[in-house]
Amino acid sequence: MIYHILIILLLYIVFKLSDGIIAAIDRWRIKRSILSNPIKRYEYYRSGYTIREVRRLRRLPYRDYLKSYHWDLVRSAALKRDGNKCSDCGADCAERPLEVHHINYARKGNENLDDLMTLCRECHEERHFIATAFE
């Protein structure tokens, strides 16, 4: 009789442990799927930003901002969204180096992906030339 109780207790413990392990594996799979996609990864990190973090990013000089981990996330998400192709001429990264252009700087440090576009270097320089020509 006591052996039956011990076996039932051990089975209960094993099932409880396996439920915890399965839940941990599911959480790991979800996080892995988020972190392997640049767009989801950027949205995941962006959702956790505090006002203090956004202010710190906005105060950075632009050259330092472009070296930040945040910009790496933003840049990779924009490149992924645009299929690693120039939005103007359609050149891909094998043909010309690609850059990510701010359409506006209103949300610098907390950009929406709609604030950015992928351009090749020539198209990027042309955009900046046109912008300065009409100022």
Protein backbone atom coordinates (compact mmCIF):
# COMPACT_ATOMS: atom_id res chain seq x y z
CA MET A 1 0.00 0.00 0.00
CA ILE A 2 2.75 2.46 0.94
CA TYR A 3 4.57 1.65 -2.32
CA HIS A 4 1.50 2.67 -4.32
CA ILE A 5 1.35 6.00 -2.53
CA LEU A 6 5.08 6.61 -3.15
CA ILE A 7 4.75 5.76 -6.83
CA ILE A 8 1.76 8.10 -7.20
CA LEU A 9 3.67 10.85 -5.37
CA LEU A 10 6.74 10.36 -7.58
CA LEU A 11 4.62 10.43 -10.74
CA TYR A 12 2.96 13.64 -9.53
CA ILE A 13 6.38 15.24 -8.95
CA VAL A 14 7.67 14.12 -12.35
CA PHE A 15 4.61 15.52 -14.14
CA LYS A 16 4.85 18.84 -12.28
CA LEU A 17 8.55 19.15 -13.16
CA SER A 18 7.92 18.26 -16.79
CA ASP A 19 5.14 20.91 -16.98
CA GLY A 20 7.61 23.54 -15.73
CA ILE A 21 10.26 22.39 -18.20
CA ILE A 22 7.80 22.43 -21.10
CA ALA A 23 6.64 25.95 -20.15
CA ALA A 24 10.28 27.14 -19.98
CA ILE A 25 11.00 25.63 -23.40
CA ASP A 26 7.92 27.35 -24.86
CA ARG A 27 9.03 30.71 -23.42
CA TRP A 28 12.52 30.14 -24.86
CA ARG A 29 11.08 29.32 -28.32
CA ILE A 30 8.94 32.46 -28.31
CA LYS A 31 11.87 34.63 -27.28
CA ARG A 32 14.11 32.99 -29.88
CA SER A 33 11.57 33.67 -32.62
CA ILE A 34 11.40 37.31 -31.52
CA LEU A 35 15.17 37.75 -31.33
CA SER A 36 15.87 36.04 -34.66
CA ASN A 37 13.68 38.49 -36.61
CA PRO A 38 15.20 42.03 -36.67
CA ILE A 39 11.81 43.76 -36.91
CA LYS A 40 10.31 41.83 -33.98
CA ARG A 41 13.56 42.27 -32.03
CA TYR A 42 13.45 46.05 -32.45
CA GLU A 43 9.78 46.22 -31.44
CA TYR A 44 10.50 43.97 -28.42
CA TYR A 45 13.32 46.17 -27.14
CA ARG A 46 11.52 49.40 -28.03
CA SER A 47 8.48 48.39 -25.97
CA GLY A 48 10.71 48.23 -22.89
CA TYR A 49 12.31 51.67 -23.30
CA THR A 50 11.80 54.13 -20.50
CA ILE A 51 11.42 57.86 -20.98
CA ARG A 52 14.88 58.25 -19.45
CA GLU A 53 16.41 55.92 -22.06
CA VAL A 54 14.73 57.77 -24.94
CA ARG A 55 15.93 61.12 -23.59
CA ARG A 56 19.47 59.74 -23.25
CA LEU A 57 19.42 58.60 -26.89
CA ARG A 58 18.06 61.94 -28.08
CA ARG A 59 20.82 63.85 -26.28
CA LEU A 60 23.58 61.86 -27.94
CA PRO A 61 25.49 63.60 -30.72
CA TYR A 62 24.34 62.14 -34.03
CA ARG A 63 27.64 60.37 -34.76
CA ASP A 64 27.53 58.68 -31.33
CA TYR A 65 23.87 57.83 -31.85
CA LEU A 66 24.77 56.00 -35.06
CA LYS A 67 27.25 53.87 -33.07
CA SER A 68 24.70 52.87 -30.41
CA TYR A 69 23.16 49.42 -29.96
CA HIS A 70 19.75 51.04 -30.44
CA TRP A 71 20.73 52.24 -33.92
CA ASP A 72 22.02 48.76 -34.79
CA LEU A 73 18.56 47.38 -33.92
CA VAL A 74 16.76 50.11 -35.86
CA ARG A 75 19.03 49.78 -38.88
CA SER A 76 18.74 46.00 -39.11
CA ALA A 77 14.93 46.22 -38.75
CA ALA A 78 14.68 48.82 -41.55
CA LEU A 79 16.95 46.79 -43.82
CA LYS A 80 14.89 43.65 -43.19
CA ARG A 81 11.63 45.49 -43.82
CA ASP A 82 12.87 46.84 -47.16
CA GLY A 83 14.31 43.47 -48.23
CA ASN A 84 17.91 44.77 -48.24
CA LYS A 85 17.14 46.90 -51.30
CA CYS A 86 17.25 50.62 -52.00
CA SER A 87 13.75 52.10 -51.78
CA ASP A 88 14.44 54.48 -54.68
CA CYS A 89 16.40 52.56 -57.32
CA GLY A 90 15.98 48.96 -56.11
CA ALA A 91 19.71 48.18 -55.84
CA ASP A 92 20.52 45.44 -53.35
CA CYS A 93 23.38 45.23 -50.87
CA ALA A 94 25.51 43.17 -53.27
CA GLU A 95 25.47 45.97 -55.86
CA ARG A 96 25.87 49.03 -53.62
CA PRO A 97 26.30 49.66 -49.88
CA LEU A 98 22.97 50.43 -48.23
CA GLU A 99 22.25 53.13 -45.67
CA VAL A 100 19.20 53.86 -43.55
CA HIS A 101 17.80 57.37 -44.02
CA HIS A 102 15.71 59.27 -41.46
CA ILE A 103 12.68 60.73 -43.21
CA ASN A 104 12.27 62.93 -40.13
CA TYR A 105 14.07 63.22 -36.81
CA ALA A 106 11.01 63.93 -34.63
CA ARG A 107 11.23 60.56 -32.86
CA LYS A 108 15.01 60.09 -32.83
CA GLY A 109 15.73 57.50 -30.17
CA ASN A 110 12.25 55.99 -30.43
CA GLU A 111 11.75 55.74 -34.19
CA ASN A 112 8.84 54.10 -35.90
CA LEU A 113 10.01 52.08 -38.85
CA ASP A 114 7.84 54.38 -40.98
CA ASP A 115 10.29 57.21 -40.11
CA LEU A 116 13.08 55.39 -41.97
CA MET A 117 13.88 54.20 -45.45
CA THR A 118 16.69 52.12 -46.92
CA LEU A 119 18.73 53.86 -49.62
CA CYS A 120 21.93 53.14 -51.48
CA ARG A 121 24.69 55.69 -50.92
CA GLU A 122 24.03 57.51 -54.22
CA CYS A 123 20.29 57.87 -53.60
CA HIS A 124 20.96 58.89 -49.99
CA GLU A 125 23.32 61.67 -51.07
CA GLU A 126 20.81 62.77 -53.69
CA ARG A 127 18.04 62.98 -51.05
CA HIS A 128 20.22 65.14 -48.81
CA PHE A 129 21.25 67.33 -51.76
CA ILE A 130 17.59 67.93 -52.70
CA ALA A 131 16.68 68.64 -49.07
CA THR A 132 19.44 71.23 -48.66
CA ALA A 133 18.79 72.78 -52.09
CA PHE A 134 15.24 73.75 -51.13
CA GLU A 135 16.01 75.09 -47.65
